[in-house]
Amino acid sequence: MESNAQSYRHVIDISQVLDKLLAEKLVDAETEVILANGEPTLYEYFDEILLKVFRSNAKMHVRTNGLLFSNSLYNYLYSDKNSINISVDAGTKETYQKIKRINGFDRVWKNIKKYRETNGDVQVKYVVFSYNSNPKELEAFVEKCLEANIRHVVVSAELNALHNHPNCPWEFGEREYKAIFYLNALCKKHNIHISSELYLSVEQQVKRYQVLKDMMGSDDWQI
């Protein structure tokens, strides 16, 4: 896997691609540059790319796991054109370690709090699936958001589980739909803006509606 990543990096150098786009005046104030997939803060020319995007006056959005703190990104968050999305996916250390397989929960939240010092657009993401869909986990997550003064949560579904990938070790079912609704209600209760990245088929949208309808007549998952 490591060699594939290295050879891919040599084939497509993001910094050079950006240089070409800038030279051809294809990046301006109406452009949004999104740095995502893998871990962008590990990229060799990450700081250089941030500087180029900032000088171009384009919008910049970085999606990261938050384990590494970037001073450059911290400084750019003072501009309201830039934003960061940090995928935490857990409300407790135990669940975080089970999902991420690393003991980084406290470090990530420390970095989130530091980024929020800028009063910039710091989004915290929660990808729902069977490992993190119980109410207590969601409540703990929202508490951490409140402690860090987070004003924007992004909820998503683990795509392999959502689409029943045959080799997927986890699940996405009725409980997970309920978890999404419950997280939405918790965020609204605490005046936290919540947006979604739910790539649902028509059938899944129908299922989602049915689950919500059933919840309306139940005492479970109530705020």
C-alpha atoms as a PDB file:
ATOM      1  CA  MET A   1       0.000   0.000   0.000  1.00  0.00           C
ATOM      2  CA  GLU A   2       2.791   2.404   0.848  1.00  0.00           C
ATOM      3  CA  SER A   3       4.566   1.905  -2.496  1.00  0.00           C
ATOM      4  CA  ASN A   4       1.316   2.434  -4.394  1.00  0.00           C
ATOM      5  CA  ALA A   5       0.728   5.690  -2.555  1.00  0.00           C
ATOM      6  CA  GLN A   6       4.260   6.860  -3.310  1.00  0.00           C
ATOM      7  CA  SER A   7       4.059   6.041  -7.023  1.00  0.00           C
ATOM      8  CA  TYR A   8       0.648   7.733  -7.240  1.00  0.00           C
ATOM      9  CA  ARG A   9       2.101  10.840  -5.620  1.00  0.00           C
ATOM     10  CA  HIS A  10       4.828  10.928  -8.275  1.00  0.00           C
ATOM     11  CA  VAL A  11       2.300  10.583 -11.086  1.00  0.00           C
ATOM     12  CA  ILE A  12       0.092  13.454  -9.883  1.00  0.00           C
ATOM     13  CA  ASP A  13       1.794  16.261  -7.972  1.00  0.00           C
ATOM     14  CA  ILE A  14      -1.002  18.376  -6.515  1.00  0.00           C
ATOM     15  CA  SER A  15       1.259  21.385  -6.101  1.00  0.00           C
ATOM     16  CA  GLN A  16       2.219  21.331  -9.786  1.00  0.00           C
ATOM     17  CA  VAL A  17      -1.403  20.898 -10.844  1.00  0.00           C
ATOM     18  CA  LEU A  18      -2.339  23.931  -8.752  1.00  0.00           C
ATOM     19  CA  ASP A  19       0.506  25.935 -10.322  1.00  0.00           C
ATOM     20  CA  LYS A  20      -0.842  25.153 -13.783  1.00  0.00           C
ATOM     21  CA  LEU A  21      -4.390  26.125 -12.829  1.00  0.00           C
ATOM     22  CA  LEU A  22      -3.144  29.382 -11.329  1.00  0.00           C
ATOM     23  CA  ALA A  23      -1.015  30.164 -14.392  1.00  0.00           C
ATOM     24  CA  GLU A  24      -4.040  29.682 -16.636  1.00  0.00           C
ATOM     25  CA  LYS A  25      -6.128  31.887 -14.314  1.00  0.00           C
ATOM     26  CA  LEU A  26      -8.566  29.076 -13.548  1.00  0.00           C
ATOM     27  CA  VAL A  27      -8.461  29.724  -9.812  1.00  0.00           C
ATOM     28  CA  ASP A  28     -10.023  32.899  -8.440  1.00  0.00           C
ATOM     29  CA  ALA A  29     -12.268  34.205  -5.657  1.00  0.00           C
ATOM     30  CA  GLU A  30     -15.176  32.067  -6.903  1.00  0.00           C
ATOM     31  CA  THR A  31     -13.145  28.842  -6.723  1.00  0.00           C
ATOM     32  CA  GLU A  32     -13.220  26.439  -3.785  1.00  0.00           C
ATOM     33  CA  VAL A  33     -10.140  24.264  -3.365  1.00  0.00           C
ATOM     34  CA  ILE A  34     -10.835  21.118  -1.329  1.00  0.00           C
ATOM     35  CA  LEU A  35      -7.934  19.148   0.140  1.00  0.00           C
ATOM     36  CA  ALA A  36      -9.184  15.719   1.158  1.00  0.00           C
ATOM     37  CA  ASN A  37      -8.773  11.939   0.867  1.00  0.00           C
ATOM     38  CA  GLY A  38      -5.976  10.244   2.719  1.00  0.00           C
ATOM     39  CA  GLU A  39      -4.560  12.757   5.192  1.00  0.00           C
ATOM     40  CA  PRO A  40      -3.732  16.093   3.509  1.00  0.00           C
ATOM     41  CA  THR A  41      -1.694  17.436   6.446  1.00  0.00           C
ATOM     42  CA  LEU A  42       0.877  14.683   5.767  1.00  0.00           C
ATOM     43  CA  TYR A  43       1.421  15.874   2.200  1.00  0.00           C
ATOM     44  CA  GLU A  44       4.970  17.109   1.614  1.00  0.00           C
ATOM     45  CA  TYR A  45       3.867  20.439   0.134  1.00  0.00           C
ATOM     46  CA  PHE A  46       0.799  21.038   2.299  1.00  0.00           C
ATOM     47  CA  ASP A  47       1.914  24.429   3.666  1.00  0.00           C
ATOM     48  CA  GLU A  48       2.997  25.538   0.203  1.00  0.00           C
ATOM     49  CA  ILE A  49      -0.400  24.661  -1.271  1.00  0.00           C
ATOM     50  CA  LEU A  50      -2.235  26.506   1.501  1.00  0.00           C
ATOM     51  CA  LEU A  51      -0.174  29.621   0.809  1.00  0.00           C
ATOM     52  CA  LYS A  52      -0.844  29.463  -2.936  1.00  0.00           C
ATOM     53  CA  VAL A  53      -4.578  29.046  -2.419  1.00  0.00           C
ATOM     54  CA  PHE A  54      -4.654  31.868   0.120  1.00  0.00           C
ATOM     55  CA  ARG A  55      -2.819  34.240  -2.240  1.00  0.00           C
ATOM     56  CA  SER A  56      -5.220  33.360  -5.059  1.00  0.00           C
ATOM     57  CA  ASN A  57      -8.128  34.564  -2.881  1.00  0.00           C
ATOM     58  CA  ALA A  58      -9.926  31.244  -3.502  1.00  0.00           C
ATOM     59  CA  LYS A  59     -11.962  29.488  -0.836  1.00  0.00           C
ATOM     60  CA  MET A  60     -10.159  26.655   0.899  1.00  0.00           C
ATOM     61  CA  HIS A  61     -11.636  23.586   2.628  1.00  0.00           C
ATOM     62  CA  VAL A  62      -9.485  20.925   4.308  1.00  0.00           C
ATOM     63  CA  ARG A  63     -10.795  17.530   5.416  1.00  0.00           C
ATOM     64  CA  THR A  64      -8.585  15.900   8.018  1.00  0.00           C
ATOM     65  CA  ASN A  65      -8.545  13.402  10.878  1.00  0.00           C
ATOM     66  CA  GLY A  66      -7.213  16.151  13.138  1.00  0.00           C
ATOM     67  CA  LEU A  67      -4.345  14.140  14.619  1.00  0.00           C
ATOM     68  CA  LEU A  68      -1.728  16.575  13.337  1.00  0.00           C
ATOM     69  CA  PHE A  69      -2.049  20.257  14.189  1.00  0.00           C
ATOM     70  CA  SER A  70      -1.170  22.614  11.329  1.00  0.00           C
ATOM     71  CA  ASN A  71      -0.017  26.102  12.288  1.00  0.00           C
ATOM     72  CA  SER A  72      -0.489  27.243   8.699  1.00  0.00           C
ATOM     73  CA  LEU A  73      -4.070  26.020   8.620  1.00  0.00           C
ATOM     74  CA  TYR A  74      -4.683  27.596  12.023  1.00  0.00           C
ATOM     75  CA  ASN A  75      -3.610  30.998  10.677  1.00  0.00           C
ATOM     76  CA  TYR A  76      -5.720  30.694   7.526  1.00  0.00           C
ATOM     77  CA  LEU A  77      -8.836  29.901   9.575  1.00  0.00           C
ATOM     78  CA  TYR A  78      -8.896  33.548  10.638  1.00  0.00           C
ATOM     79  CA  SER A  79     -10.233  34.198   7.130  1.00  0.00           C
ATOM     80  CA  ASP A  80     -13.946  33.466   6.750  1.00  0.00           C
ATOM     81  CA  LYS A  81     -13.242  32.054   3.273  1.00  0.00           C
ATOM     82  CA  ASN A  82     -11.510  29.003   4.705  1.00  0.00           C
ATOM     83  CA  SER A  83     -12.842  25.991   6.599  1.00  0.00           C
ATOM     84  CA  ILE A  84     -11.779  22.677   8.095  1.00  0.00           C
ATOM     85  CA  ASN A  85     -13.712  19.421   8.517  1.00  0.00           C
ATOM     86  CA  ILE A  86     -12.396  17.047  11.200  1.00  0.00           C
ATOM     87  CA  SER A  87     -13.779  13.508  11.247  1.00  0.00           C
ATOM     88  CA  VAL A  88     -13.993  12.291  14.863  1.00  0.00           C
ATOM     89  CA  ASP A  89     -16.802   9.708  14.581  1.00  0.00           C
ATOM     90  CA  ALA A  90     -16.968   9.030  18.321  1.00  0.00           C
ATOM     91  CA  GLY A  91     -17.903  10.573  21.641  1.00  0.00           C
ATOM     92  CA  THR A  92     -15.672   8.426  23.851  1.00  0.00           C
ATOM     93  CA  LYS A  93     -12.031   7.324  23.872  1.00  0.00           C
ATOM     94  CA  GLU A  94     -12.987   3.652  23.761  1.00  0.00           C
ATOM     95  CA  THR A  95     -15.116   3.933  20.631  1.00  0.00           C
ATOM     96  CA  TYR A  96     -12.601   6.234  18.949  1.00  0.00           C
ATOM     97  CA  GLN A  97      -9.813   3.701  19.489  1.00  0.00           C
ATOM     98  CA  LYS A  98     -12.028   0.849  18.282  1.00  0.00           C
ATOM     99  CA  ILE A  99     -12.810   2.717  15.054  1.00  0.00           C
ATOM    100  CA  LYS A 100      -9.491   4.466  14.338  1.00  0.00           C
ATOM    101  CA  ARG A 101      -7.200   1.870  15.937  1.00  0.00           C
ATOM    102  CA  ILE A 102      -5.122   4.619  17.506  1.00  0.00           C
ATOM    103  CA  ASN A 103      -5.125   6.323  20.898  1.00  0.00           C
ATOM    104  CA  GLY A 104      -5.688   9.849  19.595  1.00  0.00           C
ATOM    105  CA  PHE A 105      -9.050  10.967  20.977  1.00  0.00           C
ATOM    106  CA  ASP A 106      -7.743  13.554  23.453  1.00  0.00           C
ATOM    107  CA  ARG A 107      -5.174  14.874  20.987  1.00  0.00           C
ATOM    108  CA  VAL A 108      -7.802  15.411  18.284  1.00  0.00           C
ATOM    109  CA  TRP A 109     -10.132  17.305  20.604  1.00  0.00           C
ATOM    110  CA  LYS A 110      -7.212  19.401  21.869  1.00  0.00           C
ATOM    111  CA  ASN A 111      -6.462  20.350  18.256  1.00  0.00           C
ATOM    112  CA  ILE A 112     -10.132  21.073  17.567  1.00  0.00           C
ATOM    113  CA  LYS A 113     -10.265  23.463  20.525  1.00  0.00           C
ATOM    114  CA  LYS A 114      -7.093  25.159  19.300  1.00  0.00           C
ATOM    115  CA  TYR A 115      -8.523  25.638  15.798  1.00  0.00           C
ATOM    116  CA  ARG A 116     -11.697  27.099  17.313  1.00  0.00           C
ATOM    117  CA  GLU A 117      -9.620  29.847  18.939  1.00  0.00           C
ATOM    118  CA  THR A 118      -9.648  31.471  15.508  1.00  0.00           C
ATOM    119  CA  ASN A 119     -13.458  31.641  15.599  1.00  0.00           C
ATOM    120  CA  GLY A 120     -13.215  30.181  12.101  1.00  0.00           C
ATOM    121  CA  ASP A 121     -15.357  27.596  10.335  1.00  0.00           C
ATOM    122  CA  VAL A 122     -14.361  24.409  12.168  1.00  0.00           C
ATOM    123  CA  GLN A 123     -16.676  21.524  11.304  1.00  0.00           C
ATOM    124  CA  VAL A 124     -16.669  18.245  13.238  1.00  0.00           C
ATOM    125  CA  LYS A 125     -17.848  15.184  11.346  1.00  0.00           C
ATOM    126  CA  TYR A 126     -19.608  12.060  12.634  1.00  0.00           C
ATOM    127  CA  VAL A 127     -19.766   9.084  10.272  1.00  0.00           C
ATOM    128  CA  VAL A 128     -22.547   6.821  11.559  1.00  0.00           C
ATOM    129  CA  PHE A 129     -22.404   3.005  11.508  1.00  0.00           C
ATOM    130  CA  SER A 130     -22.928   0.118  13.920  1.00  0.00           C
ATOM    131  CA  TYR A 131     -19.854   0.858  16.095  1.00  0.00           C
ATOM    132  CA  ASN A 132     -20.950   4.357  17.128  1.00  0.00           C
ATOM    133  CA  SER A 133     -24.746   4.509  16.794  1.00  0.00           C
ATOM    134  CA  ASN A 134     -25.882   4.097  20.407  1.00  0.00           C
ATOM    135  CA  PRO A 135     -27.526   7.102  22.128  1.00  0.00           C
ATOM    136  CA  LYS A 136     -24.883   7.425  24.869  1.00  0.00           C
ATOM    137  CA  GLU A 137     -22.121   7.719  22.278  1.00  0.00           C
ATOM    138  CA  LEU A 138     -24.013  10.433  20.409  1.00  0.00           C
ATOM    139  CA  GLU A 139     -24.714  12.334  23.621  1.00  0.00           C
ATOM    140  CA  ALA A 140     -21.033  12.170  24.602  1.00  0.00           C
ATOM    141  CA  PHE A 141     -20.061  13.444  21.138  1.00  0.00           C
ATOM    142  CA  VAL A 142     -22.351  16.464  21.412  1.00  0.00           C
ATOM    143  CA  GLU A 143     -20.963  17.193  24.892  1.00  0.00           C
ATOM    144  CA  LYS A 144     -17.438  17.248  23.431  1.00  0.00           C
ATOM    145  CA  CYS A 145     -18.654  19.614  20.713  1.00  0.00           C
ATOM    146  CA  LEU A 146     -20.100  21.943  23.340  1.00  0.00           C
ATOM    147  CA  GLU A 147     -16.840  21.858  25.330  1.00  0.00           C
ATOM    148  CA  ALA A 148     -14.923  22.825  22.181  1.00  0.00           C
ATOM    149  CA  ASN A 149     -17.431  25.532  21.204  1.00  0.00           C
ATOM    150  CA  ILE A 150     -18.231  23.752  17.936  1.00  0.00           C
ATOM    151  CA  ARG A 151     -21.036  25.414  15.991  1.00  0.00           C
ATOM    152  CA  HIS A 152     -21.193  23.091  12.956  1.00  0.00           C
ATOM    153  CA  VAL A 153     -21.529  19.292  12.906  1.00  0.00           C
ATOM    154  CA  VAL A 154     -21.548  17.235   9.705  1.00  0.00           C
ATOM    155  CA  VAL A 155     -23.255  13.836   9.794  1.00  0.00           C
ATOM    156  CA  SER A 156     -22.628  11.093   7.267  1.00  0.00           C
ATOM    157  CA  ALA A 157     -23.109   7.350   6.839  1.00  0.00           C
ATOM    158  CA  GLU A 158     -20.320   4.807   6.455  1.00  0.00           C
ATOM    159  CA  LEU A 159     -20.749   4.055   2.764  1.00  0.00           C
ATOM    160  CA  ASN A 160     -19.587   0.424   2.705  1.00  0.00           C
ATOM    161  CA  ALA A 161     -22.037  -0.432   5.485  1.00  0.00           C
ATOM    162  CA  LEU A 162     -24.804   1.712   3.977  1.00  0.00           C
ATOM    163  CA  HIS A 163     -24.542  -0.084   0.641  1.00  0.00           C
ATOM    164  CA  ASN A 164     -24.056  -3.562   2.171  1.00  0.00           C
ATOM    165  CA  HIS A 165     -20.573  -4.139   0.814  1.00  0.00           C
ATOM    166  CA  PRO A 166     -19.906  -7.905   1.111  1.00  0.00           C
ATOM    167  CA  ASN A 167     -16.555  -7.503   2.893  1.00  0.00           C
ATOM    168  CA  CYS A 168     -17.680  -4.780   5.286  1.00  0.00           C
ATOM    169  CA  PRO A 169     -17.211  -5.760   8.972  1.00  0.00           C
ATOM    170  CA  TRP A 170     -19.855  -3.347  10.276  1.00  0.00           C
ATOM    171  CA  GLU A 171     -23.505  -2.607   9.568  1.00  0.00           C
ATOM    172  CA  PHE A 172     -25.947   0.174   8.786  1.00  0.00           C
ATOM    173  CA  GLY A 173     -29.613  -0.444   9.520  1.00  0.00           C
ATOM    174  CA  GLU A 174     -32.629   0.911  11.355  1.00  0.00           C
ATOM    175  CA  ARG A 175     -30.621   1.711  14.482  1.00  0.00           C
ATOM    176  CA  GLU A 176     -28.217   3.826  12.444  1.00  0.00           C
ATOM    177  CA  TYR A 177     -31.047   5.766  10.791  1.00  0.00           C
ATOM    178  CA  LYS A 178     -32.374   6.455  14.288  1.00  0.00           C
ATOM    179  CA  ALA A 179     -28.912   7.600  15.343  1.00  0.00           C
ATOM    180  CA  ILE A 180     -28.847  10.184  12.550  1.00  0.00           C
ATOM    181  CA  PHE A 181     -32.222  11.573  13.593  1.00  0.00           C
ATOM    182  CA  TYR A 182     -31.181  11.591  17.252  1.00  0.00           C
ATOM    183  CA  LEU A 183     -27.907  13.398  16.530  1.00  0.00           C
ATOM    184  CA  ASN A 184     -29.836  15.949  14.495  1.00  0.00           C
ATOM    185  CA  ALA A 185     -32.213  16.529  17.437  1.00  0.00           C
ATOM    186  CA  LEU A 186     -29.360  16.816  19.946  1.00  0.00           C
ATOM    187  CA  CYS A 187     -27.536  19.385  17.837  1.00  0.00           C
ATOM    188  CA  LYS A 188     -30.661  21.456  17.319  1.00  0.00           C
ATOM    189  CA  LYS A 189     -31.380  21.354  21.054  1.00  0.00           C
ATOM    190  CA  HIS A 190     -27.977  22.927  21.705  1.00  0.00           C
ATOM    191  CA  ASN A 191     -28.121  25.377  18.770  1.00  0.00           C
ATOM    192  CA  ILE A 192     -25.400  23.574  16.836  1.00  0.00           C
ATOM    193  CA  HIS A 193     -25.833  23.787  13.077  1.00  0.00           C
ATOM    194  CA  ILE A 194     -25.921  20.310  11.521  1.00  0.00           C
ATOM    195  CA  SER A 195     -25.536  19.453   7.852  1.00  0.00           C
ATOM    196  CA  SER A 196     -25.402  16.077   6.131  1.00  0.00           C
ATOM    197  CA  GLU A 197     -23.351  14.144   3.626  1.00  0.00           C
ATOM    198  CA  LEU A 198     -25.853  11.327   3.207  1.00  0.00           C
ATOM    199  CA  TYR A 199     -25.523   9.694  -0.187  1.00  0.00           C
ATOM    200  CA  LEU A 200     -28.829   7.825  -0.081  1.00  0.00           C
ATOM    201  CA  SER A 201     -30.658   6.036  -2.872  1.00  0.00           C
ATOM    202  CA  VAL A 202     -34.410   6.528  -3.300  1.00  0.00           C
ATOM    203  CA  GLU A 203     -35.011   3.236  -1.476  1.00  0.00           C
ATOM    204  CA  GLN A 204     -32.823   4.360   1.415  1.00  0.00           C
ATOM    205  CA  GLN A 205     -34.644   7.697   1.589  1.00  0.00           C
ATOM    206  CA  VAL A 206     -37.949   5.804   1.853  1.00  0.00           C
ATOM    207  CA  LYS A 207     -36.504   3.597   4.606  1.00  0.00           C
ATOM    208  CA  ARG A 208     -35.301   6.701   6.407  1.00  0.00           C
ATOM    209  CA  TYR A 209     -38.798   8.186   6.282  1.00  0.00           C
ATOM    210  CA  GLN A 210     -40.340   4.968   7.621  1.00  0.00           C
ATOM    211  CA  VAL A 211     -37.902   4.853  10.539  1.00  0.00           C
ATOM    212  CA  LEU A 212     -38.651   8.482  11.405  1.00  0.00           C
ATOM    213  CA  LYS A 213     -42.391   7.799  11.279  1.00  0.00           C
ATOM    214  CA  ASP A 214     -41.991   4.854  13.665  1.00  0.00           C
ATOM    215  CA  MET A 215     -39.869   6.931  16.033  1.00  0.00           C
ATOM    216  CA  MET A 216     -42.571   9.578  16.319  1.00  0.00           C
ATOM    217  CA  GLY A 217     -44.799   7.081  18.140  1.00  0.00           C
ATOM    218  CA  SER A 218     -42.061   5.664  20.352  1.00  0.00           C
ATOM    219  CA  ASP A 219     -40.582   6.737  23.686  1.00  0.00           C
ATOM    220  CA  ASP A 220     -37.138   5.569  22.560  1.00  0.00           C
ATOM    221  CA  TRP A 221     -34.512   8.039  21.311  1.00  0.00           C
ATOM    222  CA  GLN A 222     -36.381  11.006  22.753  1.00  0.00           C
ATOM    223  CA  ILE A 223     -34.640  14.204  23.836  1.00  0.00           C
END
